[in-house]
Amino acid sequence: MAVAQTLPMNTVKFIQTVQEGVYRNLVQIAEDKGITVQDLIRAVIIPEWHAQTRTASRPPQQRSRRS
């Protein structure tokens, strides 16, 4: 019997398509870390991308300051 999963109200689902070679790389990295590809994307890749993107989009004077 399948169990329905309740998501918090502030979550959003999305679908991502990647090339086969990229997916194979993600699988290998996830296996090396002992996690799933979904966990890798959610817990590692997205936070790192977000941090890099946020830093890169700030004006230079703000990048050198620590918050």
PDB file of N, CA and C in Angstrom:
ATOM      1  N   MET A   1       0.839  -1.177   0.000  1.00  0.00           N
ATOM      2  CA  MET A   1       0.000   0.000   0.000  1.00  0.00           C
ATOM      3  C   MET A   1       0.888   1.245   0.000  1.00  0.00           C
ATOM      4  N   ALA A   2       0.628   2.153  -0.903  1.00  0.00           N
ATOM      5  CA  ALA A   2       1.402   3.390  -0.996  1.00  0.00           C
ATOM      6  C   ALA A   2       0.965   4.354   0.098  1.00  0.00           C
ATOM      7  N   VAL A   3       1.928   5.050   0.632  1.00  0.00           N
ATOM      8  CA  VAL A   3       1.651   6.031   1.672  1.00  0.00           C
ATOM      9  C   VAL A   3       1.716   7.418   1.049  1.00  0.00           C
ATOM     10  N   ALA A   4       0.680   8.200   1.233  1.00  0.00           N
ATOM     11  CA  ALA A   4       0.666   9.565   0.705  1.00  0.00           C
ATOM     12  C   ALA A   4       1.653  10.408   1.495  1.00  0.00           C
ATOM     13  N   GLN A   5       2.386  11.225   0.789  1.00  0.00           N
ATOM     14  CA  GLN A   5       3.375  12.078   1.435  1.00  0.00           C
ATOM     15  C   GLN A   5       2.853  13.507   1.446  1.00  0.00           C
ATOM     16  N   THR A   6       2.878  14.126   2.598  1.00  0.00           N
ATOM     17  CA  THR A   6       2.428  15.502   2.729  1.00  0.00           C
ATOM     18  C   THR A   6       3.643  16.414   2.704  1.00  0.00           C
ATOM     19  N   LEU A   7       3.617  17.384   1.813  1.00  0.00           N
ATOM     20  CA  LEU A   7       4.713  18.337   1.704  1.00  0.00           C
ATOM     21  C   LEU A   7       4.353  19.615   2.450  1.00  0.00           C
ATOM     22  N   PRO A   8       5.345  20.279   3.023  1.00  0.00           N
ATOM     23  CA  PRO A   8       5.069  21.571   3.645  1.00  0.00           C
ATOM     24  C   PRO A   8       4.460  22.522   2.613  1.00  0.00           C
ATOM     25  N   MET A   9       3.676  23.458   3.064  1.00  0.00           N
ATOM     26  CA  MET A   9       2.969  24.353   2.151  1.00  0.00           C
ATOM     27  C   MET A   9       3.902  25.228   1.324  1.00  0.00           C
ATOM     28  N   ASN A  10       5.105  25.487   1.784  1.00  0.00           N
ATOM     29  CA  ASN A  10       5.999  26.393   1.067  1.00  0.00           C
ATOM     30  C   ASN A  10       6.993  25.664   0.166  1.00  0.00           C
ATOM     31  N   THR A  11       6.694  24.442  -0.242  1.00  0.00           N
ATOM     32  CA  THR A  11       7.593  23.714  -1.130  1.00  0.00           C
ATOM     33  C   THR A  11       7.065  23.736  -2.558  1.00  0.00           C
ATOM     34  N   VAL A  12       7.982  23.573  -3.490  1.00  0.00           N
ATOM     35  CA  VAL A  12       7.638  23.554  -4.904  1.00  0.00           C
ATOM     36  C   VAL A  12       8.350  22.365  -5.534  1.00  0.00           C
ATOM     37  N   LYS A  13       7.646  21.615  -6.339  1.00  0.00           N
ATOM     38  CA  LYS A  13       8.258  20.513  -7.078  1.00  0.00           C
ATOM     39  C   LYS A  13       8.592  20.995  -8.478  1.00  0.00           C
ATOM     40  N   PHE A  14       9.673  20.443  -9.045  1.00  0.00           N
ATOM     41  CA  PHE A  14      10.003  20.753 -10.424  1.00  0.00           C
ATOM     42  C   PHE A  14      10.685  19.547 -11.046  1.00  0.00           C
ATOM     43  N   ILE A  15      10.709  19.518 -12.358  1.00  0.00           N
ATOM     44  CA  ILE A  15      11.357  18.443 -13.099  1.00  0.00           C
ATOM     45  C   ILE A  15      12.560  19.031 -13.814  1.00  0.00           C
ATOM     46  N   GLN A  16      13.664  18.322 -13.762  1.00  0.00           N
ATOM     47  CA  GLN A  16      14.890  18.771 -14.424  1.00  0.00           C
ATOM     48  C   GLN A  16      15.317  17.703 -15.420  1.00  0.00           C
ATOM     49  N   THR A  17      15.652  18.109 -16.610  1.00  0.00           N
ATOM     50  CA  THR A  17      16.150  17.197 -17.631  1.00  0.00           C
ATOM     51  C   THR A  17      17.632  17.470 -17.840  1.00  0.00           C
ATOM     52  N   VAL A  18      18.431  16.400 -17.844  1.00  0.00           N
ATOM     53  CA  VAL A  18      19.869  16.535 -18.078  1.00  0.00           C
ATOM     54  C   VAL A  18      20.297  15.518 -19.127  1.00  0.00           C
ATOM     55  N   GLN A  19      21.412  15.794 -19.748  1.00  0.00           N
ATOM     56  CA  GLN A  19      21.949  14.852 -20.726  1.00  0.00           C
ATOM     57  C   GLN A  19      22.395  13.579 -20.015  1.00  0.00           C
ATOM     58  N   GLU A  20      22.413  12.482 -20.755  1.00  0.00           N
ATOM     59  CA  GLU A  20      22.741  11.186 -20.172  1.00  0.00           C
ATOM     60  C   GLU A  20      24.114  11.190 -19.495  1.00  0.00           C
ATOM     61  N   GLY A  21      25.092  11.817 -20.113  1.00  0.00           N
ATOM     62  CA  GLY A  21      26.432  11.870 -19.527  1.00  0.00           C
ATOM     63  C   GLY A  21      26.454  12.629 -18.211  1.00  0.00           C
ATOM     64  N   VAL A  22      25.701  13.704 -18.150  1.00  0.00           N
ATOM     65  CA  VAL A  22      25.601  14.476 -16.907  1.00  0.00           C
ATOM     66  C   VAL A  22      24.962  13.619 -15.823  1.00  0.00           C
ATOM     67  N   TYR A  23      23.906  12.904 -16.196  1.00  0.00           N
ATOM     68  CA  TYR A  23      23.233  12.048 -15.218  1.00  0.00           C
ATOM     69  C   TYR A  23      24.174  10.958 -14.706  1.00  0.00           C
ATOM     70  N   ARG A  24      24.935  10.357 -15.609  1.00  0.00           N
ATOM     71  CA  ARG A  24      25.891   9.322 -15.171  1.00  0.00           C
ATOM     72  C   ARG A  24      26.899   9.902 -14.187  1.00  0.00           C
ATOM     73  N   ASN A  25      27.356  11.132 -14.448  1.00  0.00           N
ATOM     74  CA  ASN A  25      28.280  11.785 -13.515  1.00  0.00           C
ATOM     75  C   ASN A  25      27.618  12.010 -12.158  1.00  0.00           C
ATOM     76  N   LEU A  26      26.366  12.448 -12.174  1.00  0.00           N
ATOM     77  CA  LEU A  26      25.644  12.668 -10.919  1.00  0.00           C
ATOM     78  C   LEU A  26      25.470  11.363 -10.153  1.00  0.00           C
ATOM     79  N   VAL A  27      25.161  10.298 -10.870  1.00  0.00           N
ATOM     80  CA  VAL A  27      25.008   8.986 -10.228  1.00  0.00           C
ATOM     81  C   VAL A  27      26.317   8.577  -9.569  1.00  0.00           C
ATOM     82  N   GLN A  28      27.423   8.742 -10.267  1.00  0.00           N
ATOM     83  CA  GLN A  28      28.719   8.352  -9.713  1.00  0.00           C
ATOM     84  C   GLN A  28      29.068   9.169  -8.470  1.00  0.00           C
ATOM     85  N   ILE A  29      28.848  10.465  -8.543  1.00  0.00           N
ATOM     86  CA  ILE A  29      29.131  11.326  -7.385  1.00  0.00           C
ATOM     87  C   ILE A  29      28.247  10.930  -6.206  1.00  0.00           C
ATOM     88  N   ALA A  30      26.969  10.704  -6.481  1.00  0.00           N
ATOM     89  CA  ALA A  30      26.041  10.312  -5.414  1.00  0.00           C
ATOM     90  C   ALA A  30      26.454   8.979  -4.799  1.00  0.00           C
ATOM     91  N   GLU A  31      26.805   8.020  -5.637  1.00  0.00           N
ATOM     92  CA  GLU A  31      27.243   6.718  -5.122  1.00  0.00           C
ATOM     93  C   GLU A  31      28.492   6.864  -4.265  1.00  0.00           C
ATOM     94  N   ASP A  32      29.428   7.692  -4.711  1.00  0.00           N
ATOM     95  CA  ASP A  32      30.656   7.915  -3.939  1.00  0.00           C
ATOM     96  C   ASP A  32      30.355   8.501  -2.562  1.00  0.00           C
ATOM     97  N   LYS A  33      29.305   9.310  -2.486  1.00  0.00           N
ATOM     98  CA  LYS A  33      28.925   9.935  -1.219  1.00  0.00           C
ATOM     99  C   LYS A  33      27.947   9.084  -0.414  1.00  0.00           C
ATOM    100  N   GLY A  34      27.456   8.007  -1.020  1.00  0.00           N
ATOM    101  CA  GLY A  34      26.506   7.141  -0.330  1.00  0.00           C
ATOM    102  C   GLY A  34      25.114   7.743  -0.211  1.00  0.00           C
ATOM    103  N   ILE A  35      24.740   8.564  -1.193  1.00  0.00           N
ATOM    104  CA  ILE A  35      23.426   9.200  -1.185  1.00  0.00           C
ATOM    105  C   ILE A  35      22.769   9.010  -2.546  1.00  0.00           C
ATOM    106  N   THR A  36      21.514   9.403  -2.652  1.00  0.00           N
ATOM    107  CA  THR A  36      20.809   9.312  -3.927  1.00  0.00           C
ATOM    108  C   THR A  36      21.103  10.555  -4.768  1.00  0.00           C
ATOM    109  N   VAL A  37      20.812  10.449  -6.052  1.00  0.00           N
ATOM    110  CA  VAL A  37      20.976  11.607  -6.936  1.00  0.00           C
ATOM    111  C   VAL A  37      20.068  12.740  -6.468  1.00  0.00           C
ATOM    112  N   GLN A  38      18.860  12.412  -6.065  1.00  0.00           N
ATOM    113  CA  GLN A  38      17.939  13.438  -5.577  1.00  0.00           C
ATOM    114  C   GLN A  38      18.530  14.161  -4.368  1.00  0.00           C
ATOM    115  N   ASP A  39      19.082  13.399  -3.427  1.00  0.00           N
ATOM    116  CA  ASP A  39      19.703  14.027  -2.255  1.00  0.00           C
ATOM    117  C   ASP A  39      20.904  14.879  -2.658  1.00  0.00           C
ATOM    118  N   LEU A  40      21.686  14.391  -3.605  1.00  0.00           N
ATOM    119  CA  LEU A  40      22.844  15.150  -4.078  1.00  0.00           C
ATOM    120  C   LEU A  40      22.411  16.495  -4.646  1.00  0.00           C
ATOM    121  N   ILE A  41      21.402  16.468  -5.481  1.00  0.00           N
ATOM    122  CA  ILE A  41      20.921  17.710  -6.091  1.00  0.00           C
ATOM    123  C   ILE A  41      20.340  18.639  -5.032  1.00  0.00           C
ATOM    124  N   ARG A  42      19.512  18.094  -4.158  1.00  0.00           N
ATOM    125  CA  ARG A  42      18.821  18.916  -3.155  1.00  0.00           C
ATOM    126  C   ARG A  42      19.767  19.446  -2.080  1.00  0.00           C
ATOM    127  N   ALA A  43      20.670  18.607  -1.592  1.00  0.00           N
ATOM    128  CA  ALA A  43      21.478  18.983  -0.428  1.00  0.00           C
ATOM    129  C   ALA A  43      22.857  19.533  -0.770  1.00  0.00           C
ATOM    130  N   VAL A  44      23.345  19.271  -1.981  1.00  0.00           N
ATOM    131  CA  VAL A  44      24.700  19.705  -2.325  1.00  0.00           C
ATOM    132  C   VAL A  44      24.704  20.673  -3.502  1.00  0.00           C
ATOM    133  N   ILE A  45      24.191  20.237  -4.625  1.00  0.00           N
ATOM    134  CA  ILE A  45      24.319  21.021  -5.853  1.00  0.00           C
ATOM    135  C   ILE A  45      23.533  22.328  -5.787  1.00  0.00           C
ATOM    136  N   ILE A  46      22.265  22.267  -5.425  1.00  0.00           N
ATOM    137  CA  ILE A  46      21.462  23.494  -5.396  1.00  0.00           C
ATOM    138  C   ILE A  46      22.007  24.497  -4.379  1.00  0.00           C
ATOM    139  N   PRO A  47      22.313  24.096  -3.140  1.00  0.00           N
ATOM    140  CA  PRO A  47      22.868  25.086  -2.207  1.00  0.00           C
ATOM    141  C   PRO A  47      24.194  25.700  -2.687  1.00  0.00           C
ATOM    142  N   GLU A  48      25.077  24.878  -3.273  1.00  0.00           N
ATOM    143  CA  GLU A  48      26.345  25.420  -3.776  1.00  0.00           C
ATOM    144  C   GLU A  48      26.102  26.375  -4.935  1.00  0.00           C
ATOM    145  N   TRP A  49      25.220  26.003  -5.852  1.00  0.00           N
ATOM    146  CA  TRP A  49      24.898  26.873  -6.982  1.00  0.00           C
ATOM    147  C   TRP A  49      24.296  28.184  -6.486  1.00  0.00           C
ATOM    148  N   HIS A  50      23.396  28.075  -5.526  1.00  0.00           N
ATOM    149  CA  HIS A  50      22.745  29.275  -4.994  1.00  0.00           C
ATOM    150  C   HIS A  50      23.768  30.207  -4.352  1.00  0.00           C
ATOM    151  N   ALA A  51      24.677  29.657  -3.579  1.00  0.00           N
ATOM    152  CA  ALA A  51      25.702  30.478  -2.928  1.00  0.00           C
ATOM    153  C   ALA A  51      26.604  31.148  -3.965  1.00  0.00           C
ATOM    154  N   GLN A  52      27.005  30.411  -4.985  1.00  0.00           N
ATOM    155  CA  GLN A  52      27.865  30.982  -6.029  1.00  0.00           C
ATOM    156  C   GLN A  52      27.130  32.036  -6.839  1.00  0.00           C
ATOM    157  N   THR A  53      25.892  31.764  -7.168  1.00  0.00           N
ATOM    158  CA  THR A  53      25.105  32.702  -7.964  1.00  0.00           C
ATOM    159  C   THR A  53      24.842  33.977  -7.184  1.00  0.00           C
ATOM    160  N   ARG A  54      24.518  33.825  -5.921  1.00  0.00           N
ATOM    161  CA  ARG A  54      24.245  34.991  -5.079  1.00  0.00           C
ATOM    162  C   ARG A  54      25.499  35.847  -4.943  1.00  0.00           C
ATOM    163  N   THR A  55      26.644  35.224  -4.740  1.00  0.00           N
ATOM    164  CA  THR A  55      27.901  35.953  -4.603  1.00  0.00           C
ATOM    165  C   THR A  55      28.273  36.638  -5.916  1.00  0.00           C
ATOM    166  N   ALA A  56      28.111  35.938  -7.020  1.00  0.00           N
ATOM    167  CA  ALA A  56      28.480  36.492  -8.323  1.00  0.00           C
ATOM    168  C   ALA A  56      27.578  37.646  -8.737  1.00  0.00           C
ATOM    169  N   SER A  57      26.349  37.667  -8.252  1.00  0.00           N
ATOM    170  CA  SER A  57      25.418  38.713  -8.672  1.00  0.00           C
ATOM    171  C   SER A  57      25.510  39.972  -7.815  1.00  0.00           C
ATOM    172  N   ARG A  58      26.263  39.923  -6.724  1.00  0.00           N
ATOM    173  CA  ARG A  58      26.427  41.106  -5.881  1.00  0.00           C
ATOM    174  C   ARG A  58      27.424  42.071  -6.506  1.00  0.00           C
ATOM    175  N   PRO A  59      27.232  43.364  -6.281  1.00  0.00           N
ATOM    176  CA  PRO A  59      28.240  44.330  -6.726  1.00  0.00           C
ATOM    177  C   PRO A  59      29.574  44.054  -6.026  1.00  0.00           C
ATOM    178  N   PRO A  60      30.708  44.388  -6.648  1.00  0.00           N
ATOM    179  CA  PRO A  60      32.025  44.076  -6.079  1.00  0.00           C
ATOM    180  C   PRO A  60      32.222  44.545  -4.639  1.00  0.00           C
ATOM    181  N   GLN A  61      31.743  45.723  -4.276  1.00  0.00           N
ATOM    182  CA  GLN A  61      31.953  46.211  -2.913  1.00  0.00           C
ATOM    183  C   GLN A  61      31.229  45.349  -1.886  1.00  0.00           C
ATOM    184  N   GLN A  62      30.137  44.706  -2.264  1.00  0.00           N
ATOM    185  CA  GLN A  62      29.416  43.844  -1.329  1.00  0.00           C
ATOM    186  C   GLN A  62      30.053  42.466  -1.232  1.00  0.00           C
ATOM    187  N   ARG A  63      30.727  42.012  -2.282  1.00  0.00           N
ATOM    188  CA  ARG A  63      31.345  40.685  -2.271  1.00  0.00           C
ATOM    189  C   ARG A  63      32.471  40.591  -1.259  1.00  0.00           C
ATOM    190  N   SER A  64      33.188  41.689  -1.045  1.00  0.00           N
ATOM    191  CA  SER A  64      34.338  41.636  -0.150  1.00  0.00           C
ATOM    192  C   SER A  64      33.940  41.726   1.317  1.00  0.00           C
ATOM    193  N   ARG A  65      32.741  42.177   1.597  1.00  0.00           N
ATOM    194  CA  ARG A  65      32.278  42.280   2.983  1.00  0.00           C
ATOM    195  C   ARG A  65      31.743  40.949   3.470  1.00  0.00           C
ATOM    196  N   ARG A  66      31.903  40.714   4.750  1.00  0.00           N
ATOM    197  CA  ARG A  66      31.305  39.522   5.356  1.00  0.00           C
ATOM    198  C   ARG A  66      30.025  39.926   6.048  1.00  0.00           C
ATOM    199  N   SER A  67      28.996  39.109   5.872  1.00  0.00           N
ATOM    200  CA  SER A  67      27.703  39.413   6.501  1.00  0.00           C
ATOM    201  C   SER A  67      27.637  38.795   7.866  1.00  0.00           C
TER     202      SER A  67
END
